[in-house]
Amino acid sequence: MAKHTYQGHRREPGPGRRRHRPPLLDVEAGYLQTGLAELAVKYGTVDNYLRGGLDLLPVTIEKLRIKLFG
C-alpha cells in the first residue's frame, strides 16, 4: 500500500528551532480510498458530502476551495 506523508506548512525555522522535523501525519492510501468509496456510496459526490454530510454553506465551501486550490 502506498504511504503519503503530510509535512505541514513549510517555512524557515525560528531561532533555536531545528530545520528538519519528523512528519506530522502519515496517511495510508488504502484508508483514503476506503473513505472516498464510502463517501461515494452515501453521498455520491464530495460536494454532496460537504453540503449534506457536513452541513456547510456554499460560501464556506467556496472559501475552502480558494484556500486549498487557489
N, C-alpha and C. Protein backbone atom coordinates (compact mmCIF):
# COMPACT_ATOMS: atom_id res chain seq x y z
N MET A 1 0.84 -1.17 0.00
CA MET A 1 0.00 0.00 0.00
C MET A 1 0.89 1.24 0.00
N ALA A 2 0.54 2.22 -0.80
CA ALA A 2 1.33 3.46 -0.86
C ALA A 2 1.11 4.26 0.42
N LYS A 3 2.13 4.97 0.82
CA LYS A 3 2.05 5.78 2.01
C LYS A 3 2.39 7.22 1.65
N HIS A 4 1.58 8.16 2.09
CA HIS A 4 1.80 9.56 1.82
C HIS A 4 2.05 10.27 3.15
N THR A 5 2.98 11.19 3.17
CA THR A 5 3.33 11.87 4.40
C THR A 5 3.03 13.36 4.28
N TYR A 6 2.25 13.87 5.21
CA TYR A 6 1.93 15.29 5.26
C TYR A 6 3.03 15.98 6.07
N GLN A 7 3.64 17.00 5.48
CA GLN A 7 4.74 17.71 6.12
C GLN A 7 4.31 19.02 6.77
N GLY A 8 3.09 19.41 6.61
CA GLY A 8 2.63 20.68 7.17
C GLY A 8 3.12 21.83 6.30
N HIS A 9 2.93 23.05 6.78
CA HIS A 9 3.38 24.23 6.04
C HIS A 9 4.89 24.35 6.17
N ARG A 10 5.53 24.69 5.08
CA ARG A 10 6.98 24.84 5.09
C ARG A 10 7.33 26.31 5.28
N ARG A 11 8.16 26.59 6.26
CA ARG A 11 8.66 27.94 6.48
C ARG A 11 10.01 27.83 7.16
N GLU A 12 10.72 28.91 7.17
CA GLU A 12 12.04 28.91 7.79
C GLU A 12 11.88 28.79 9.32
N PRO A 13 12.76 27.99 9.95
CA PRO A 13 12.66 27.83 11.40
C PRO A 13 13.09 29.10 12.13
N GLY A 14 12.49 29.32 13.29
CA GLY A 14 12.86 30.45 14.12
C GLY A 14 14.15 30.15 14.89
N PRO A 15 14.63 31.11 15.66
CA PRO A 15 15.85 30.91 16.43
C PRO A 15 15.73 29.70 17.37
N GLY A 16 16.73 28.86 17.37
CA GLY A 16 16.75 27.71 18.27
C GLY A 16 15.91 26.53 17.81
N ARG A 17 15.29 26.61 16.64
CA ARG A 17 14.46 25.52 16.15
C ARG A 17 15.21 24.69 15.12
N ARG A 18 14.91 23.41 15.10
CA ARG A 18 15.53 22.52 14.12
C ARG A 18 14.97 22.80 12.73
N ARG A 19 15.80 22.59 11.74
CA ARG A 19 15.37 22.80 10.36
C ARG A 19 14.50 21.65 9.86
N HIS A 20 14.86 20.40 10.22
CA HIS A 20 14.11 19.23 9.74
C HIS A 20 13.28 18.66 10.89
N ARG A 21 12.03 18.45 10.60
CA ARG A 21 11.13 17.87 11.60
C ARG A 21 10.57 16.56 11.07
N PRO A 22 10.22 15.66 11.97
CA PRO A 22 9.59 14.42 11.51
C PRO A 22 8.21 14.71 10.95
N PRO A 23 7.68 13.83 10.11
CA PRO A 23 6.34 14.04 9.55
C PRO A 23 5.30 14.21 10.65
N LEU A 24 4.33 15.07 10.38
CA LEU A 24 3.25 15.30 11.34
C LEU A 24 2.19 14.21 11.28
N LEU A 25 2.03 13.63 10.10
CA LEU A 25 0.95 12.68 9.92
C LEU A 25 1.27 11.76 8.75
N ASP A 26 1.14 10.47 8.96
CA ASP A 26 1.29 9.51 7.87
C ASP A 26 -0.10 9.06 7.46
N VAL A 27 -0.32 8.92 6.17
CA VAL A 27 -1.62 8.52 5.65
C VAL A 27 -1.44 7.32 4.74
N GLU A 28 -2.17 6.28 5.00
CA GLU A 28 -2.18 5.11 4.14
C GLU A 28 -3.14 5.36 2.98
N ALA A 29 -2.67 5.18 1.76
CA ALA A 29 -3.51 5.41 0.58
C ALA A 29 -4.79 4.58 0.63
N GLY A 30 -4.70 3.36 1.13
CA GLY A 30 -5.88 2.50 1.23
C GLY A 30 -6.96 3.07 2.12
N TYR A 31 -6.56 3.74 3.20
CA TYR A 31 -7.54 4.37 4.09
C TYR A 31 -8.27 5.49 3.37
N LEU A 32 -7.52 6.28 2.60
CA LEU A 32 -8.15 7.36 1.84
C LEU A 32 -9.12 6.80 0.80
N GLN A 33 -8.69 5.77 0.11
CA GLN A 33 -9.54 5.15 -0.91
C GLN A 33 -10.82 4.59 -0.30
N THR A 34 -10.69 3.95 0.85
CA THR A 34 -11.86 3.39 1.53
C THR A 34 -12.82 4.50 1.97
N GLY A 35 -12.26 5.57 2.51
CA GLY A 35 -13.08 6.69 2.93
C GLY A 35 -13.81 7.34 1.77
N LEU A 36 -13.10 7.53 0.66
CA LEU A 36 -13.73 8.13 -0.52
C LEU A 36 -14.78 7.21 -1.12
N ALA A 37 -14.54 5.91 -1.07
CA ALA A 37 -15.54 4.95 -1.58
C ALA A 37 -16.81 5.01 -0.73
N GLU A 38 -16.65 5.10 0.57
CA GLU A 38 -17.80 5.20 1.48
C GLU A 38 -18.55 6.51 1.24
N LEU A 39 -17.81 7.58 1.04
CA LEU A 39 -18.41 8.88 0.76
C LEU A 39 -19.24 8.80 -0.53
N ALA A 40 -18.70 8.14 -1.55
CA ALA A 40 -19.40 7.99 -2.83
C ALA A 40 -20.69 7.19 -2.66
N VAL A 41 -20.65 6.15 -1.83
CA VAL A 41 -21.85 5.33 -1.61
C VAL A 41 -22.92 6.14 -0.89
N LYS A 42 -22.53 6.86 0.16
CA LYS A 42 -23.51 7.59 0.98
C LYS A 42 -23.99 8.90 0.35
N TYR A 43 -23.07 9.63 -0.31
CA TYR A 43 -23.41 10.98 -0.77
C TYR A 43 -23.29 11.18 -2.28
N GLY A 44 -22.62 10.28 -2.97
CA GLY A 44 -22.48 10.41 -4.41
C GLY A 44 -21.30 11.27 -4.86
N THR A 45 -21.19 12.46 -4.29
CA THR A 45 -20.09 13.38 -4.65
C THR A 45 -19.54 14.04 -3.39
N VAL A 46 -18.35 14.58 -3.52
CA VAL A 46 -17.75 15.31 -2.39
C VAL A 46 -18.59 16.55 -2.10
N ASP A 47 -19.08 17.21 -3.12
CA ASP A 47 -19.91 18.39 -2.92
C ASP A 47 -21.17 18.05 -2.11
N ASN A 48 -21.81 16.93 -2.44
CA ASN A 48 -22.99 16.50 -1.67
C ASN A 48 -22.61 16.21 -0.22
N TYR A 49 -21.42 15.64 0.00
CA TYR A 49 -20.95 15.36 1.36
C TYR A 49 -20.73 16.66 2.13
N LEU A 50 -20.09 17.63 1.49
CA LEU A 50 -19.83 18.91 2.17
C LEU A 50 -21.13 19.61 2.54
N ARG A 51 -22.10 19.57 1.63
CA ARG A 51 -23.39 20.24 1.88
C ARG A 51 -24.30 19.44 2.81
N GLY A 52 -24.49 18.16 2.49
CA GLY A 52 -25.43 17.34 3.25
C GLY A 52 -24.83 16.65 4.46
N GLY A 53 -23.62 16.13 4.31
CA GLY A 53 -22.98 15.41 5.40
C GLY A 53 -22.41 16.33 6.47
N LEU A 54 -21.76 17.40 6.04
CA LEU A 54 -21.16 18.34 6.98
C LEU A 54 -22.00 19.59 7.20
N ASP A 55 -23.05 19.75 6.40
CA ASP A 55 -23.98 20.88 6.51
C ASP A 55 -23.26 22.22 6.34
N LEU A 56 -22.30 22.28 5.40
CA LEU A 56 -21.59 23.52 5.14
C LEU A 56 -22.38 24.39 4.18
N LEU A 57 -22.29 25.68 4.38
CA LEU A 57 -22.93 26.64 3.50
C LEU A 57 -22.10 26.79 2.23
N PRO A 58 -22.74 27.12 1.09
CA PRO A 58 -21.99 27.32 -0.15
C PRO A 58 -20.85 28.31 -0.03
N VAL A 59 -21.04 29.39 0.73
CA VAL A 59 -19.99 30.39 0.90
C VAL A 59 -18.78 29.77 1.63
N THR A 60 -19.02 28.90 2.58
CA THR A 60 -17.94 28.23 3.30
C THR A 60 -17.19 27.27 2.38
N ILE A 61 -17.92 26.54 1.57
CA ILE A 61 -17.31 25.61 0.61
C ILE A 61 -16.43 26.38 -0.37
N GLU A 62 -16.90 27.52 -0.83
CA GLU A 62 -16.11 28.33 -1.77
C GLU A 62 -14.83 28.86 -1.11
N LYS A 63 -14.92 29.28 0.14
CA LYS A 63 -13.73 29.73 0.87
C LYS A 63 -12.72 28.59 1.01
N LEU A 64 -13.19 27.39 1.30
CA LEU A 64 -12.31 26.24 1.39
C LEU A 64 -11.64 25.95 0.05
N ARG A 65 -12.41 26.01 -1.03
CA ARG A 65 -11.84 25.78 -2.37
C ARG A 65 -10.73 26.77 -2.67
N ILE A 66 -10.97 28.04 -2.35
CA ILE A 66 -9.96 29.07 -2.60
C ILE A 66 -8.71 28.81 -1.78
N LYS A 67 -8.87 28.45 -0.51
CA LYS A 67 -7.70 28.18 0.35
C LYS A 67 -6.93 26.96 -0.13
N LEU A 68 -7.64 25.93 -0.54
CA LEU A 68 -6.99 24.68 -0.92
C LEU A 68 -6.42 24.71 -2.34
N PHE A 69 -7.12 25.35 -3.26
CA PHE A 69 -6.73 25.26 -4.66
C PHE A 69 -6.32 26.60 -5.29
N GLY A 70 -6.46 27.67 -4.52
CA GLY A 70 -6.03 28.98 -5.02
C GLY A 70 -6.95 29.69 -5.91
